[in-house]
């Protein structure tokens, strides 16, 4: 089973940018569709973005479309999330996830998860 480790979270001012990384090991990275999700206390984990194994197909939540960009470097076994024009409501713990098969919006369809990284947007 693939292991995932997120990095790059932190504190940023509203309107600023932050880049998250998800390093993987233990699997054939290019065979996994990958996703980013986020969660705030007391709420369900929320879909942010997903990318296919080849990187050709991407999908975004409406709330981040046009501001966030998901990408992957299969040669480095790493996925990324570039976050621009950050808003207070983007504050959450961000998780990366992997699944065999096509891209998916549903957290329950992902087999492997990272430990999460905190993103805090201050106004």
N, C-alpha and C. Protein backbone atom coordinates (compact mmCIF):
# COMPACT_ATOMS: atom_id res chain seq x y z
N UNK A 1 0.84 -1.19 0.00
CA UNK A 1 0.00 0.00 0.00
C UNK A 1 0.88 1.25 0.00
N UNK A 2 0.44 2.25 -0.72
CA UNK A 2 1.23 3.46 -0.83
C UNK A 2 1.17 4.26 0.46
N UNK A 3 2.30 4.86 0.84
CA UNK A 3 2.36 5.77 1.98
C UNK A 3 2.45 7.20 1.47
N UNK A 4 1.80 8.12 2.19
CA UNK A 4 1.76 9.51 1.76
C UNK A 4 2.14 10.44 2.91
N UNK A 5 2.92 11.47 2.58
CA UNK A 5 3.33 12.46 3.57
C UNK A 5 3.17 13.85 2.97
N UNK A 6 2.30 14.65 3.62
CA UNK A 6 2.09 16.02 3.17
C UNK A 6 3.11 16.96 3.80
N UNK A 7 3.38 18.04 3.12
CA UNK A 7 4.23 19.10 3.66
C UNK A 7 3.85 20.41 3.00
N UNK A 8 4.29 21.51 3.61
CA UNK A 8 4.10 22.82 3.00
C UNK A 8 3.03 23.68 3.64
N UNK A 9 2.32 23.13 4.62
CA UNK A 9 1.32 23.94 5.28
C UNK A 9 1.94 25.04 6.12
N UNK A 10 1.09 25.94 6.61
CA UNK A 10 1.58 27.01 7.46
C UNK A 10 0.58 28.14 7.57
N UNK A 11 1.06 29.28 8.03
CA UNK A 11 0.24 30.46 8.22
C UNK A 11 0.52 31.45 7.09
N UNK A 12 -0.54 31.97 6.50
CA UNK A 12 -0.41 32.91 5.39
C UNK A 12 -1.49 33.96 5.51
N UNK A 13 -1.21 35.15 5.03
CA UNK A 13 -2.20 36.22 5.02
C UNK A 13 -3.20 36.00 3.90
N UNK A 14 -4.41 36.47 4.11
CA UNK A 14 -5.42 36.39 3.06
C UNK A 14 -4.91 37.08 1.80
N UNK A 15 -5.18 36.43 0.67
CA UNK A 15 -4.67 36.93 -0.59
C UNK A 15 -3.32 36.36 -0.97
N UNK A 16 -2.70 35.69 -0.05
CA UNK A 16 -1.38 35.11 -0.30
C UNK A 16 -1.45 33.73 -0.94
N UNK A 17 -0.28 33.12 -1.06
CA UNK A 17 -0.16 31.83 -1.71
C UNK A 17 0.59 30.84 -0.84
N UNK A 18 0.32 29.58 -1.08
CA UNK A 18 0.99 28.50 -0.37
C UNK A 18 1.02 27.30 -1.30
N UNK A 19 2.08 26.51 -1.20
CA UNK A 19 2.18 25.32 -2.03
C UNK A 19 2.33 24.09 -1.14
N UNK A 20 1.47 23.12 -1.34
CA UNK A 20 1.53 21.87 -0.60
C UNK A 20 2.16 20.79 -1.47
N UNK A 21 2.84 19.86 -0.83
CA UNK A 21 3.39 18.70 -1.52
C UNK A 21 2.91 17.43 -0.83
N UNK A 22 2.81 16.38 -1.60
CA UNK A 22 2.44 15.06 -1.08
C UNK A 22 3.44 14.06 -1.65
N UNK A 23 4.38 13.64 -0.83
CA UNK A 23 5.39 12.68 -1.25
C UNK A 23 4.87 11.27 -0.97
N UNK A 24 5.07 10.38 -1.93
CA UNK A 24 4.57 9.02 -1.78
C UNK A 24 5.70 8.00 -1.87
N UNK A 25 5.43 6.84 -1.31
CA UNK A 25 6.37 5.74 -1.40
C UNK A 25 5.61 4.43 -1.26
N UNK A 26 6.21 3.36 -1.75
CA UNK A 26 5.64 2.04 -1.54
C UNK A 26 4.64 1.59 -2.58
N UNK A 27 4.51 2.30 -3.65
CA UNK A 27 3.57 1.89 -4.69
C UNK A 27 4.00 2.42 -6.04
N UNK A 28 3.26 2.06 -7.07
CA UNK A 28 3.51 2.58 -8.41
C UNK A 28 2.71 3.86 -8.55
N UNK A 29 3.37 4.97 -8.34
CA UNK A 29 2.68 6.25 -8.21
C UNK A 29 1.79 6.56 -9.40
N UNK A 30 2.28 6.30 -10.57
CA UNK A 30 1.52 6.67 -11.77
C UNK A 30 0.24 5.87 -11.93
N UNK A 31 0.07 4.79 -11.18
CA UNK A 31 -1.14 3.99 -11.29
C UNK A 31 -2.25 4.50 -10.38
N UNK A 32 -1.95 5.50 -9.57
CA UNK A 32 -2.94 6.03 -8.62
C UNK A 32 -3.51 7.36 -9.09
N UNK A 33 -4.83 7.46 -9.01
CA UNK A 33 -5.43 8.78 -9.03
C UNK A 33 -5.23 9.37 -7.64
N UNK A 34 -4.99 10.67 -7.59
CA UNK A 34 -4.68 11.33 -6.34
C UNK A 34 -5.68 12.44 -6.06
N UNK A 35 -5.84 12.76 -4.80
CA UNK A 35 -6.76 13.82 -4.44
C UNK A 35 -6.27 14.63 -3.26
N UNK A 36 -6.76 15.84 -3.19
CA UNK A 36 -6.58 16.69 -2.01
C UNK A 36 -7.96 16.92 -1.37
N UNK A 37 -7.99 16.78 -0.08
CA UNK A 37 -9.19 17.04 0.70
C UNK A 37 -8.82 17.95 1.86
N UNK A 38 -9.82 18.55 2.48
CA UNK A 38 -9.55 19.39 3.64
C UNK A 38 -10.66 19.20 4.67
N UNK A 39 -10.31 19.50 5.91
CA UNK A 39 -11.27 19.29 6.99
C UNK A 39 -11.04 20.32 8.09
N UNK A 40 -12.16 20.86 8.58
CA UNK A 40 -12.13 21.74 9.75
C UNK A 40 -12.85 21.01 10.87
N UNK A 41 -12.53 21.34 12.11
CA UNK A 41 -13.15 20.63 13.24
C UNK A 41 -14.67 20.71 13.19
N UNK A 42 -15.29 19.57 13.40
CA UNK A 42 -16.74 19.52 13.44
C UNK A 42 -17.41 19.37 12.09
N UNK A 43 -16.62 19.31 11.03
CA UNK A 43 -17.19 19.17 9.69
C UNK A 43 -16.60 17.95 9.00
N UNK A 44 -17.31 17.48 7.98
CA UNK A 44 -16.84 16.35 7.21
C UNK A 44 -15.66 16.77 6.33
N UNK A 45 -14.87 15.76 5.97
CA UNK A 45 -13.77 16.01 5.05
C UNK A 45 -14.34 16.45 3.70
N UNK A 46 -13.76 17.51 3.15
CA UNK A 46 -14.29 18.15 1.95
C UNK A 46 -13.35 17.96 0.77
N UNK A 47 -13.91 17.62 -0.37
CA UNK A 47 -13.13 17.47 -1.59
C UNK A 47 -12.57 18.83 -2.03
N UNK A 48 -11.31 18.82 -2.47
CA UNK A 48 -10.68 20.03 -2.98
C UNK A 48 -10.33 19.86 -4.46
N UNK A 49 -9.57 18.81 -4.77
CA UNK A 49 -9.13 18.61 -6.15
C UNK A 49 -8.68 17.17 -6.33
N UNK A 50 -8.71 16.72 -7.59
CA UNK A 50 -8.24 15.38 -7.90
C UNK A 50 -7.54 15.39 -9.24
N UNK A 51 -6.63 14.44 -9.43
CA UNK A 51 -5.84 14.36 -10.65
C UNK A 51 -5.67 12.89 -11.02
N UNK A 52 -5.73 12.62 -12.31
CA UNK A 52 -5.58 11.24 -12.78
C UNK A 52 -4.12 10.80 -12.71
N UNK A 53 -3.92 9.51 -12.90
CA UNK A 53 -2.57 8.95 -12.81
C UNK A 53 -1.60 9.55 -13.82
N UNK A 54 -2.10 9.86 -14.99
CA UNK A 54 -1.24 10.47 -16.01
C UNK A 54 -1.09 11.97 -15.82
N UNK A 55 -1.97 12.55 -15.01
CA UNK A 55 -1.97 14.00 -14.84
C UNK A 55 -2.78 14.75 -15.86
N UNK A 56 -3.38 14.02 -16.80
CA UNK A 56 -4.12 14.68 -17.88
C UNK A 56 -5.45 15.24 -17.37
N UNK A 57 -6.10 14.50 -16.50
CA UNK A 57 -7.44 14.91 -16.05
C UNK A 57 -7.37 15.48 -14.64
N UNK A 58 -7.98 16.64 -14.46
CA UNK A 58 -8.07 17.27 -13.14
C UNK A 58 -9.48 17.78 -12.92
N UNK A 59 -9.89 17.81 -11.65
CA UNK A 59 -11.20 18.33 -11.29
C UNK A 59 -11.05 19.09 -9.98
N UNK A 60 -11.85 20.14 -9.83
CA UNK A 60 -11.75 20.99 -8.66
C UNK A 60 -13.12 21.23 -8.04
N UNK A 61 -13.12 21.45 -6.74
CA UNK A 61 -14.31 21.94 -6.08
C UNK A 61 -14.58 23.37 -6.57
N UNK A 62 -15.84 23.73 -6.66
CA UNK A 62 -16.19 25.07 -7.13
C UNK A 62 -15.55 26.15 -6.26
N UNK A 63 -15.40 25.86 -4.99
CA UNK A 63 -14.90 26.86 -4.05
C UNK A 63 -13.43 27.21 -4.29
N UNK A 64 -12.70 26.36 -4.99
CA UNK A 64 -11.26 26.62 -5.22
C UNK A 64 -10.92 26.78 -6.69
N UNK A 65 -11.88 26.55 -7.56
CA UNK A 65 -11.63 26.62 -9.00
C UNK A 65 -11.12 28.01 -9.38
N UNK A 66 -10.05 28.03 -10.15
CA UNK A 66 -9.46 29.30 -10.56
C UNK A 66 -8.43 29.84 -9.59
N UNK A 67 -8.37 29.27 -8.38
CA UNK A 67 -7.40 29.73 -7.39
C UNK A 67 -6.36 28.64 -7.06
N UNK A 68 -6.78 27.40 -7.07
CA UNK A 68 -5.90 26.27 -6.74
C UNK A 68 -5.55 25.51 -8.01
N UNK A 69 -4.34 24.94 -8.02
CA UNK A 69 -3.92 24.10 -9.13
C UNK A 69 -3.30 22.82 -8.59
N UNK A 70 -3.85 21.69 -9.01
CA UNK A 70 -3.30 20.39 -8.64
C UNK A 70 -2.39 19.90 -9.76
N UNK A 71 -1.29 19.28 -9.39
CA UNK A 71 -0.36 18.76 -10.38
C UNK A 71 0.40 17.58 -9.77
N UNK A 72 1.12 16.89 -10.60
CA UNK A 72 1.91 15.76 -10.11
C UNK A 72 3.16 15.60 -10.95
N UNK A 73 4.19 15.05 -10.31
CA UNK A 73 5.45 14.73 -10.99
C UNK A 73 5.69 13.25 -10.77
N UNK A 74 5.28 12.43 -11.73
CA UNK A 74 5.37 10.98 -11.54
C UNK A 74 6.81 10.51 -11.37
N UNK A 75 7.74 11.19 -11.99
CA UNK A 75 9.14 10.80 -11.83
C UNK A 75 9.64 11.03 -10.41
N UNK A 76 8.95 11.91 -9.68
CA UNK A 76 9.34 12.21 -8.29
C UNK A 76 8.38 11.61 -7.28
N UNK A 77 7.37 10.86 -7.78
CA UNK A 77 6.37 10.25 -6.88
C UNK A 77 5.73 11.29 -5.96
N UNK A 78 5.45 12.45 -6.49
CA UNK A 78 4.97 13.57 -5.69
C UNK A 78 3.81 14.28 -6.37
N UNK A 79 2.86 14.70 -5.55
CA UNK A 79 1.74 15.50 -6.02
C UNK A 79 1.82 16.88 -5.34
N UNK A 80 1.23 17.87 -5.98
CA UNK A 80 1.31 19.23 -5.47
C UNK A 80 -0.07 19.89 -5.47
N UNK A 81 -0.20 20.91 -4.64
CA UNK A 81 -1.37 21.78 -4.67
C UNK A 81 -0.88 23.21 -4.52
N UNK A 82 -0.96 23.97 -5.59
CA UNK A 82 -0.62 25.38 -5.54
C UNK A 82 -1.87 26.16 -5.20
N UNK A 83 -1.82 26.91 -4.11
CA UNK A 83 -2.99 27.64 -3.63
C UNK A 83 -2.70 29.14 -3.70
N UNK A 84 -3.47 29.83 -4.50
CA UNK A 84 -3.33 31.28 -4.66
C UNK A 84 -4.58 32.00 -4.19
N UNK A 85 -4.47 33.29 -3.97
CA UNK A 85 -5.61 34.11 -3.54
C UNK A 85 -6.34 33.46 -2.37
N UNK A 86 -5.58 33.07 -1.38
CA UNK A 86 -6.16 32.33 -0.25
C UNK A 86 -7.13 33.19 0.54
N UNK A 87 -8.18 32.55 1.04
CA UNK A 87 -9.22 33.18 1.83
C UNK A 87 -9.25 32.56 3.22
N UNK A 88 -9.85 33.27 4.17
CA UNK A 88 -9.96 32.72 5.52
C UNK A 88 -10.67 31.37 5.51
N UNK A 89 -11.66 31.24 4.64
CA UNK A 89 -12.42 29.99 4.61
C UNK A 89 -11.63 28.81 4.04
N UNK A 90 -10.41 29.06 3.56
CA UNK A 90 -9.55 27.96 3.13
C UNK A 90 -8.80 27.34 4.30
N UNK A 91 -8.91 27.95 5.47
CA UNK A 91 -8.26 27.41 6.66
C UNK A 91 -8.79 26.02 6.98
N UNK A 92 -7.88 25.06 7.09
CA UNK A 92 -8.26 23.67 7.33
C UNK A 92 -7.01 22.82 7.44
N UNK A 93 -7.19 21.58 7.82
CA UNK A 93 -6.14 20.57 7.66
C UNK A 93 -6.32 19.97 6.28
N UNK A 94 -5.26 19.97 5.52
CA UNK A 94 -5.29 19.46 4.15
C UNK A 94 -4.67 18.07 4.10
N UNK A 95 -5.39 17.15 3.46
CA UNK A 95 -4.95 15.77 3.35
C UNK A 95 -4.77 15.40 1.88
N UNK A 96 -3.75 14.62 1.60
CA UNK A 96 -3.66 14.01 0.28
C UNK A 96 -4.08 12.54 0.39
N UNK A 97 -4.57 12.03 -0.72
CA UNK A 97 -5.10 10.68 -0.73
C UNK A 97 -4.84 10.03 -2.08
N UNK A 98 -4.79 8.70 -2.07
CA UNK A 98 -4.54 7.94 -3.29
C UNK A 98 -5.59 6.85 -3.45
N UNK A 99 -5.92 6.56 -4.70
CA UNK A 99 -6.85 5.48 -4.98
C UNK A 99 -6.47 4.82 -6.31
N UNK A 100 -6.75 3.55 -6.41
CA UNK A 100 -6.62 2.88 -7.70
C UNK A 100 -7.88 3.16 -8.49
N UNK A 101 -7.74 3.33 -9.79
CA UNK A 101 -8.89 3.65 -10.61
C UNK A 101 -8.91 5.11 -10.98
N UNK A 102 -10.05 5.59 -11.47
CA UNK A 102 -10.14 6.96 -11.98
C UNK A 102 -10.24 7.98 -10.86
N UNK A 103 -10.22 9.26 -11.24
CA UNK A 103 -10.38 10.32 -10.27
C UNK A 103 -11.74 10.23 -9.59
N UNK A 104 -11.82 10.76 -8.39
CA UNK A 104 -13.06 10.70 -7.63
C UNK A 104 -13.17 11.90 -6.71
N UNK A 105 -14.42 12.35 -6.51
CA UNK A 105 -14.69 13.43 -5.57
C UNK A 105 -14.92 12.90 -4.14
N UNK A 106 -15.07 11.60 -3.99
CA UNK A 106 -15.54 11.01 -2.74
C UNK A 106 -14.40 10.50 -1.87
N UNK A 107 -14.31 11.02 -0.67
CA UNK A 107 -13.25 10.62 0.25
C UNK A 107 -13.30 9.13 0.53
N UNK A 108 -14.49 8.56 0.60
CA UNK A 108 -14.62 7.15 0.95
C UNK A 108 -14.06 6.23 -0.13
N UNK A 109 -13.83 6.74 -1.31
CA UNK A 109 -13.31 5.90 -2.40
C UNK A 109 -11.78 5.84 -2.42
N UNK A 110 -11.13 6.60 -1.55
CA UNK A 110 -9.66 6.62 -1.50
C UNK A 110 -9.15 5.61 -0.48
N UNK A 111 -8.09 4.91 -0.86
CA UNK A 111 -7.57 3.81 -0.06
C UNK A 111 -6.50 4.23 0.94
N UNK A 112 -5.73 5.25 0.59
CA UNK A 112 -4.58 5.64 1.41
C UNK A 112 -4.62 7.15 1.66
N UNK A 113 -4.19 7.52 2.87
CA UNK A 113 -4.25 8.92 3.29
C UNK A 113 -2.96 9.33 3.97
N UNK A 114 -2.63 10.60 3.82
CA UNK A 114 -1.55 11.17 4.60
C UNK A 114 -2.04 11.61 5.96
N UNK A 115 -1.13 12.16 6.75
CA UNK A 115 -1.47 12.55 8.12
C UNK A 115 -2.06 13.95 8.19
N UNK A 116 -1.96 14.71 7.11
CA UNK A 116 -2.53 16.04 7.06
C UNK A 116 -1.52 17.13 7.38
N UNK A 117 -1.77 18.32 6.83
CA UNK A 117 -0.95 19.48 7.11
C UNK A 117 -1.87 20.69 7.30
N UNK A 118 -1.60 21.47 8.32
CA UNK A 118 -2.47 22.60 8.67
C UNK A 118 -2.18 23.80 7.79
N UNK A 119 -3.24 24.36 7.24
CA UNK A 119 -3.16 25.62 6.51
C UNK A 119 -4.04 26.62 7.25
N UNK A 120 -3.47 27.73 7.63
CA UNK A 120 -4.21 28.78 8.33
C UNK A 120 -4.06 30.08 7.57
N UNK A 121 -5.21 30.65 7.21
CA UNK A 121 -5.23 31.91 6.47
C UNK A 121 -5.74 33.00 7.40
N UNK A 122 -4.91 33.98 7.64
CA UNK A 122 -5.26 35.07 8.55
C UNK A 122 -5.72 36.29 7.74
N UNK A 123 -6.72 36.97 8.30
CA UNK A 123 -7.21 38.17 7.60
C UNK A 123 -6.45 39.40 8.03
